Amino acid sequence: MATSDGDDEGGGGLLGYLGSARNIAGCGAGAVGLGLHFAGYGGAWWPGIVAALYGAVALLWPPWTTGDTRGTRGARGTRGAGGTGDTGGTGTPRPPEPPRSWPQLEELAVFVGSAPLPPSANVPGLLVRLRSAGPGPTTEPIVVRRLPLAVDGYLRALTWQPWVSDGADPAAELARAVDEMAALVPAP
């Protein structure tokens, strides 16, 4: 049953996107394009310019911002549940809650455990850091997109390495990508 605050399992769907910071920023950029048209710029290309401005800003805008928790599943209500600076009105900080379950990370960990990855890349170490940090605006893109793409790139490069003569080391590339991701994971 849906509630009046729109906090459903799917994150709001279309209505959630319409109220998101990403869509609002894109609409603002589209309005700037419309203003340029009315100022006499763009000529016959103005519809494309408006659409391009909207699309560029909507795609480049971060999916989650400090005040926008609609894009993170389960993040609604974290204030008052042990979040940063939460005192519960007593002046004494509450202890942090135990980490929430994160099915996407667990599925990724199972796959990574079955893949022939080099120990030098330290992918298990990154998974440990991600588990301790928990889901958030910095860690979710790593679990959902960046780490799977890095592992996929390594496995593809490993497959084609006998026929490629550029001298690139797939294991070193994977280790570099994992180090970059680990540097982005906030301390718990």
C-alpha atoms as a PDB file:
ATOM      1  CA  MET A   1       0.000   0.000   0.000  1.00  0.00           C
ATOM      2  CA  ALA A   2       1.409   3.387  -0.963  1.00  0.00           C
ATOM      3  CA  THR A   3       1.820   6.024   1.716  1.00  0.00           C
ATOM      4  CA  SER A   4       1.175   9.715   1.443  1.00  0.00           C
ATOM      5  CA  ASP A   5       4.853  10.643   1.608  1.00  0.00           C
ATOM      6  CA  GLY A   6       5.621   8.744  -1.616  1.00  0.00           C
ATOM      7  CA  ASP A   7       8.154   6.448   0.068  1.00  0.00           C
ATOM      8  CA  ASP A   8       7.373   3.300  -1.876  1.00  0.00           C
ATOM      9  CA  GLU A   9       9.675   0.382  -2.652  1.00  0.00           C
ATOM     10  CA  GLY A  10      10.494   1.593  -6.177  1.00  0.00           C
ATOM     11  CA  GLY A  11      11.840   4.975  -5.090  1.00  0.00           C
ATOM     12  CA  GLY A  12       8.949   6.937  -6.560  1.00  0.00           C
ATOM     13  CA  GLY A  13       9.221   5.993 -10.230  1.00  0.00           C
ATOM     14  CA  LEU A  14       8.217   8.750 -12.639  1.00  0.00           C
ATOM     15  CA  LEU A  15       6.737  10.970  -9.933  1.00  0.00           C
ATOM     16  CA  GLY A  16       9.905  10.567  -7.875  1.00  0.00           C
ATOM     17  CA  TYR A  17      12.005  11.635 -10.851  1.00  0.00           C
ATOM     18  CA  LEU A  18       9.795  14.634 -11.605  1.00  0.00           C
ATOM     19  CA  GLY A  19      10.472  16.011  -8.134  1.00  0.00           C
ATOM     20  CA  SER A  20      14.160  15.104  -8.080  1.00  0.00           C
ATOM     21  CA  ALA A  21      16.959  17.649  -8.002  1.00  0.00           C
ATOM     22  CA  ARG A  22      18.261  16.164 -11.273  1.00  0.00           C
ATOM     23  CA  ASN A  23      15.025  16.925 -13.152  1.00  0.00           C
ATOM     24  CA  ILE A  24      14.632  20.374 -11.590  1.00  0.00           C
ATOM     25  CA  ALA A  25      18.194  21.328 -12.563  1.00  0.00           C
ATOM     26  CA  GLY A  26      17.566  20.047 -16.104  1.00  0.00           C
ATOM     27  CA  CYS A  27      14.364  22.099 -16.332  1.00  0.00           C
ATOM     28  CA  GLY A  28      16.287  25.162 -15.179  1.00  0.00           C
ATOM     29  CA  ALA A  29      18.859  24.627 -17.912  1.00  0.00           C
ATOM     30  CA  GLY A  30      16.076  24.142 -20.465  1.00  0.00           C
ATOM     31  CA  ALA A  31      14.522  27.413 -19.292  1.00  0.00           C
ATOM     32  CA  VAL A  32      17.862  29.142 -19.887  1.00  0.00           C
ATOM     33  CA  GLY A  33      17.800  27.742 -23.436  1.00  0.00           C
ATOM     34  CA  LEU A  34      14.276  29.051 -23.886  1.00  0.00           C
ATOM     35  CA  GLY A  35      15.392  32.446 -22.608  1.00  0.00           C
ATOM     36  CA  LEU A  36      18.228  32.438 -25.144  1.00  0.00           C
ATOM     37  CA  HIS A  37      15.673  31.748 -27.880  1.00  0.00           C
ATOM     38  CA  PHE A  38      13.508  34.681 -26.824  1.00  0.00           C
ATOM     39  CA  ALA A  39      16.623  36.860 -26.690  1.00  0.00           C
ATOM     40  CA  GLY A  40      17.213  36.067 -30.372  1.00  0.00           C
ATOM     41  CA  TYR A  41      19.914  33.379 -30.130  1.00  0.00           C
ATOM     42  CA  GLY A  42      19.780  29.870 -31.556  1.00  0.00           C
ATOM     43  CA  GLY A  43      17.646  30.554 -34.633  1.00  0.00           C
ATOM     44  CA  ALA A  44      15.885  27.508 -35.992  1.00  0.00           C
ATOM     45  CA  TRP A  45      17.984  25.259 -33.751  1.00  0.00           C
ATOM     46  CA  TRP A  46      16.401  26.482 -30.503  1.00  0.00           C
ATOM     47  CA  PRO A  47      14.381  23.282 -29.751  1.00  0.00           C
ATOM     48  CA  GLY A  48      17.555  21.213 -30.014  1.00  0.00           C
ATOM     49  CA  ILE A  49      19.448  23.686 -27.853  1.00  0.00           C
ATOM     50  CA  VAL A  50      16.763  23.563 -25.148  1.00  0.00           C
ATOM     51  CA  ALA A  51      16.706  19.755 -25.236  1.00  0.00           C
ATOM     52  CA  ALA A  52      20.510  19.532 -25.208  1.00  0.00           C
ATOM     53  CA  LEU A  53      20.791  21.864 -22.221  1.00  0.00           C
ATOM     54  CA  TYR A  54      18.162  19.902 -20.307  1.00  0.00           C
ATOM     55  CA  GLY A  55      19.762  16.560 -21.188  1.00  0.00           C
ATOM     56  CA  ALA A  56      23.316  17.632 -20.410  1.00  0.00           C
ATOM     57  CA  VAL A  57      22.454  19.033 -16.993  1.00  0.00           C
ATOM     58  CA  ALA A  58      20.087  16.169 -16.110  1.00  0.00           C
ATOM     59  CA  LEU A  59      22.733  13.599 -17.043  1.00  0.00           C
ATOM     60  CA  LEU A  60      25.640  15.370 -15.374  1.00  0.00           C
ATOM     61  CA  TRP A  61      23.779  16.372 -12.186  1.00  0.00           C
ATOM     62  CA  PRO A  62      24.711  14.059  -9.287  1.00  0.00           C
ATOM     63  CA  PRO A  63      21.919  11.585  -8.577  1.00  0.00           C
ATOM     64  CA  TRP A  64      21.915  12.400  -4.865  1.00  0.00           C
ATOM     65  CA  THR A  65      22.512  15.697  -3.172  1.00  0.00           C
ATOM     66  CA  THR A  66      22.787  16.519   0.520  1.00  0.00           C
ATOM     67  CA  GLY A  67      19.125  17.382   0.950  1.00  0.00           C
ATOM     68  CA  ASP A  68      17.627  14.976  -1.593  1.00  0.00           C
ATOM     69  CA  THR A  69      17.119  11.514  -0.137  1.00  0.00           C
ATOM     70  CA  ARG A  70      14.524  10.366  -2.654  1.00  0.00           C
ATOM     71  CA  GLY A  71      17.181   8.815  -4.903  1.00  0.00           C
ATOM     72  CA  THR A  72      18.561   6.542  -2.188  1.00  0.00           C
ATOM     73  CA  ARG A  73      16.473   3.544  -1.280  1.00  0.00           C
ATOM     74  CA  GLY A  74      16.017   3.339   2.470  1.00  0.00           C
ATOM     75  CA  ALA A  75      17.716   6.665   3.195  1.00  0.00           C
ATOM     76  CA  ARG A  76      14.504   8.501   4.134  1.00  0.00           C
ATOM     77  CA  GLY A  77      14.470   9.175   7.820  1.00  0.00           C
ATOM     78  CA  THR A  78      18.191   8.737   8.456  1.00  0.00           C
ATOM     79  CA  ARG A  79      18.194  12.031  10.324  1.00  0.00           C
ATOM     80  CA  GLY A  80      17.223  11.043  13.837  1.00  0.00           C
ATOM     81  CA  ALA A  81      18.533   7.511  13.350  1.00  0.00           C
ATOM     82  CA  GLY A  82      22.158   8.004  14.234  1.00  0.00           C
ATOM     83  CA  GLY A  83      23.055  10.344  11.385  1.00  0.00           C
ATOM     84  CA  THR A  84      25.778  12.970  11.592  1.00  0.00           C
ATOM     85  CA  GLY A  85      25.104  15.481  14.336  1.00  0.00           C
ATOM     86  CA  ASP A  86      22.054  13.609  15.641  1.00  0.00           C
ATOM     87  CA  THR A  87      21.655  14.064  19.354  1.00  0.00           C
ATOM     88  CA  GLY A  88      17.989  13.160  19.693  1.00  0.00           C
ATOM     89  CA  GLY A  89      17.462  16.335  21.691  1.00  0.00           C
ATOM     90  CA  THR A  90      19.612  15.144  24.610  1.00  0.00           C
ATOM     91  CA  GLY A  91      22.906  16.777  23.661  1.00  0.00           C
ATOM     92  CA  THR A  92      24.585  13.350  23.628  1.00  0.00           C
ATOM     93  CA  PRO A  93      25.203  11.737  20.238  1.00  0.00           C
ATOM     94  CA  ARG A  94      23.375   8.468  19.659  1.00  0.00           C
ATOM     95  CA  PRO A  95      25.450   5.419  18.778  1.00  0.00           C
ATOM     96  CA  PRO A  96      25.382   4.537  15.068  1.00  0.00           C
ATOM     97  CA  GLU A  97      22.907   1.888  14.018  1.00  0.00           C
ATOM     98  CA  PRO A  98      24.093  -1.456  12.683  1.00  0.00           C
ATOM     99  CA  PRO A  99      24.675  -1.416   8.922  1.00  0.00           C
ATOM    100  CA  ARG A 100      21.639  -2.049   6.750  1.00  0.00           C
ATOM    101  CA  SER A 101      21.536  -5.036   4.442  1.00  0.00           C
ATOM    102  CA  TRP A 102      22.806  -4.279   0.977  1.00  0.00           C
ATOM    103  CA  PRO A 103      21.711  -7.004  -1.462  1.00  0.00           C
ATOM    104  CA  GLN A 104      23.460  -5.481  -4.505  1.00  0.00           C
ATOM    105  CA  LEU A 105      26.808  -5.546  -2.683  1.00  0.00           C
ATOM    106  CA  GLU A 106      26.301  -9.139  -1.565  1.00  0.00           C
ATOM    107  CA  GLU A 107      25.424 -10.245  -5.115  1.00  0.00           C
ATOM    108  CA  LEU A 108      28.497  -8.440  -6.431  1.00  0.00           C
ATOM    109  CA  ALA A 109      30.676 -10.052  -3.749  1.00  0.00           C
ATOM    110  CA  VAL A 110      29.455 -13.518  -4.798  1.00  0.00           C
ATOM    111  CA  PHE A 111      30.280 -12.812  -8.447  1.00  0.00           C
ATOM    112  CA  VAL A 112      33.670 -11.276  -7.634  1.00  0.00           C
ATOM    113  CA  GLY A 113      34.464 -14.297  -5.438  1.00  0.00           C
ATOM    114  CA  SER A 114      33.894 -16.599  -8.407  1.00  0.00           C
ATOM    115  CA  ALA A 115      35.868 -14.511 -10.929  1.00  0.00           C
ATOM    116  CA  PRO A 116      39.592 -15.157 -11.519  1.00  0.00           C
ATOM    117  CA  LEU A 117      40.778 -11.755 -10.256  1.00  0.00           C
ATOM    118  CA  PRO A 118      44.407 -11.055  -9.358  1.00  0.00           C
ATOM    119  CA  PRO A 119      45.140 -10.712  -5.616  1.00  0.00           C
ATOM    120  CA  SER A 120      47.195  -7.590  -6.392  1.00  0.00           C
ATOM    121  CA  ALA A 121      43.982  -5.726  -7.293  1.00  0.00           C
ATOM    122  CA  ASN A 122      42.665  -6.145  -3.704  1.00  0.00           C
ATOM    123  CA  VAL A 123      39.024  -6.310  -4.763  1.00  0.00           C
ATOM    124  CA  PRO A 124      38.065  -8.131  -1.505  1.00  0.00           C
ATOM    125  CA  GLY A 125      39.574  -5.224   0.457  1.00  0.00           C
ATOM    126  CA  LEU A 126      37.385  -2.776  -1.465  1.00  0.00           C
ATOM    127  CA  LEU A 127      34.316  -4.915  -0.736  1.00  0.00           C
ATOM    128  CA  VAL A 128      35.134  -4.820   2.994  1.00  0.00           C
ATOM    129  CA  ARG A 129      35.423  -1.018   2.879  1.00  0.00           C
ATOM    130  CA  LEU A 130      32.121  -0.744   1.001  1.00  0.00           C
ATOM    131  CA  ARG A 131      30.375  -2.972   3.567  1.00  0.00           C
ATOM    132  CA  SER A 132      31.659  -0.901   6.470  1.00  0.00           C
ATOM    133  CA  ALA A 133      30.683   2.391   4.789  1.00  0.00           C
ATOM    134  CA  GLY A 134      27.201   1.135   3.846  1.00  0.00           C
ATOM    135  CA  PRO A 135      24.968   2.374   1.054  1.00  0.00           C
ATOM    136  CA  GLY A 136      25.235   6.041   0.230  1.00  0.00           C
ATOM    137  CA  PRO A 137      25.652   8.556  -2.579  1.00  0.00           C
ATOM    138  CA  THR A 138      29.358   7.785  -2.918  1.00  0.00           C
ATOM    139  CA  THR A 139      29.315   4.016  -2.462  1.00  0.00           C
ATOM    140  CA  GLU A 140      26.220   3.047  -4.445  1.00  0.00           C
ATOM    141  CA  PRO A 141      27.630   4.131  -7.849  1.00  0.00           C
ATOM    142  CA  ILE A 142      30.737   2.038  -7.098  1.00  0.00           C
ATOM    143  CA  VAL A 143      28.664  -1.084  -6.343  1.00  0.00           C
ATOM    144  CA  VAL A 144      26.113  -0.597  -9.105  1.00  0.00           C
ATOM    145  CA  ARG A 145      28.344   0.628 -11.927  1.00  0.00           C
ATOM    146  CA  ARG A 146      32.050   1.324 -11.395  1.00  0.00           C
ATOM    147  CA  LEU A 147      33.295  -1.935  -9.851  1.00  0.00           C
ATOM    148  CA  PRO A 148      31.271  -4.192 -12.182  1.00  0.00           C
ATOM    149  CA  LEU A 149      32.626  -2.257 -15.189  1.00  0.00           C
ATOM    150  CA  ALA A 150      36.212  -2.487 -13.904  1.00  0.00           C
ATOM    151  CA  VAL A 151      35.911  -6.254 -13.350  1.00  0.00           C
ATOM    152  CA  ASP A 152      34.252  -6.674 -16.751  1.00  0.00           C
ATOM    153  CA  GLY A 153      37.043  -4.685 -18.402  1.00  0.00           C
ATOM    154  CA  TYR A 154      39.681  -6.809 -16.687  1.00  0.00           C
ATOM    155  CA  LEU A 155      38.039 -10.077 -17.746  1.00  0.00           C
ATOM    156  CA  ARG A 156      37.649  -8.888 -21.341  1.00  0.00           C
ATOM    157  CA  ALA A 157      41.224  -7.616 -21.504  1.00  0.00           C
ATOM    158  CA  LEU A 158      42.454 -10.900 -20.061  1.00  0.00           C
ATOM    159  CA  THR A 159      40.538 -12.785 -22.740  1.00  0.00           C
ATOM    160  CA  TRP A 160      41.973 -10.733 -25.604  1.00  0.00           C
ATOM    161  CA  GLN A 161      45.489 -10.225 -24.183  1.00  0.00           C
ATOM    162  CA  PRO A 162      47.143 -12.890 -26.422  1.00  0.00           C
ATOM    163  CA  TRP A 163      46.044 -10.968 -29.534  1.00  0.00           C
ATOM    164  CA  VAL A 164      46.783  -7.440 -28.331  1.00  0.00           C
ATOM    165  CA  SER A 165      50.328  -6.165 -28.553  1.00  0.00           C
ATOM    166  CA  ASP A 166      49.996  -2.820 -26.721  1.00  0.00           C
ATOM    167  CA  GLY A 167      51.778  -4.129 -23.614  1.00  0.00           C
ATOM    168  CA  ALA A 168      49.000  -3.067 -21.228  1.00  0.00           C
ATOM    169  CA  ASP A 169      48.724  -5.131 -18.053  1.00  0.00           C
ATOM    170  CA  PRO A 170      45.053  -5.859 -17.277  1.00  0.00           C
ATOM    171  CA  ALA A 171      45.856  -6.685 -13.636  1.00  0.00           C
ATOM    172  CA  ALA A 172      47.617  -3.346 -13.143  1.00  0.00           C
ATOM    173  CA  GLU A 173      44.698  -1.499 -14.744  1.00  0.00           C
ATOM    174  CA  LEU A 174      42.222  -3.252 -12.450  1.00  0.00           C
ATOM    175  CA  ALA A 175      44.390  -2.499  -9.393  1.00  0.00           C
ATOM    176  CA  ARG A 176      44.528   1.180 -10.394  1.00  0.00           C
ATOM    177  CA  ALA A 177      40.741   1.348 -10.804  1.00  0.00           C
ATOM    178  CA  VAL A 178      40.164  -0.398  -7.446  1.00  0.00           C
ATOM    179  CA  ASP A 179      42.572   2.017  -5.725  1.00  0.00           C
ATOM    180  CA  GLU A 180      40.665   4.980  -7.202  1.00  0.00           C
ATOM    181  CA  MET A 181      37.348   3.561  -5.981  1.00  0.00           C
ATOM    182  CA  ALA A 182      38.748   2.776  -2.522  1.00  0.00           C
ATOM    183  CA  ALA A 183      39.885   6.393  -2.191  1.00  0.00           C
ATOM    184  CA  LEU A 184      36.277   7.527  -2.774  1.00  0.00           C
ATOM    185  CA  VAL A 185      34.773   5.328  -0.044  1.00  0.00           C
ATOM    186  CA  PRO A 186      34.189   7.405   3.090  1.00  0.00           C
ATOM    187  CA  ALA A 187      35.504   6.160   6.406  1.00  0.00           C
ATOM    188  CA  PRO A 188      32.771   4.500   8.505  1.00  0.00           C
END
